[in-house]
């Protein structure tokens, strides 16, 4: 392993270790090189090794374990459906918490494909809003998703067709503009292999294992507000909290 002097050495080393993590060469729970091992392997200062660890921790890729060292962590992401239901009712109306953020890649009016029309309960070919986004934890992409919303809502809620962030979130915005309040949802999950589109969005190899989700979100009246499709890379846990 070598480093080039055109970029900070700690970033180059971190990129090499990250590549080993994402390829599976360093699986979940395995130790990454210590700061001293980084010094010896790459010929850099121990302080550089410390920066490597800090950078990988900031990306959510590793975590320190007392008595063991710094290990590859099982990355965790909350169920998108539950996150919508839980956070949309908050004062801020935000869907993403902590250091997680989302970037809307596109938002446009299209003719509903057959399966989307069926999912939304609208006629085949009806105009629907298609919003595509990628979510990040730090700088690491943790999910890619497409939201399908009945096109009729866009007349009274035009920001649905913008790629700019909606301050109160999609559902807070629909409640504010149209009086349609999110009340319930349903989610389906399935393991699958990454398509070319998934691979491009998440930065994983095509064909690698991913988790697919399909979600329906309904208003108090029973109207379907949104049908969503999402994908998460391997080594992420979807978290559901419940009580007896």
Foldseek 3Di string as FASTA:
>chain_A
DEDDPPDPPLVVVLVVVVVCDQVVVADFPRADDQLVRCCVPHVDDSVSRVVNLVVCVQQVQWDADPPPGIGGHLAADADQQVLQVVQCPDPFLDSDDDQKDKFWPFKDWFFADPVRCVVQVHDHGAIWIWIWMFMGRRNATFKIKIKIFHPVLCVQQVCSRPRDDDRNPPQNSCCVRPVFHWDDKDKDKDKFFADPVNCVRRVHDGGAIKMKMWMWIAGPVRRTGIIMIMIGHPSYHHDDDDDD
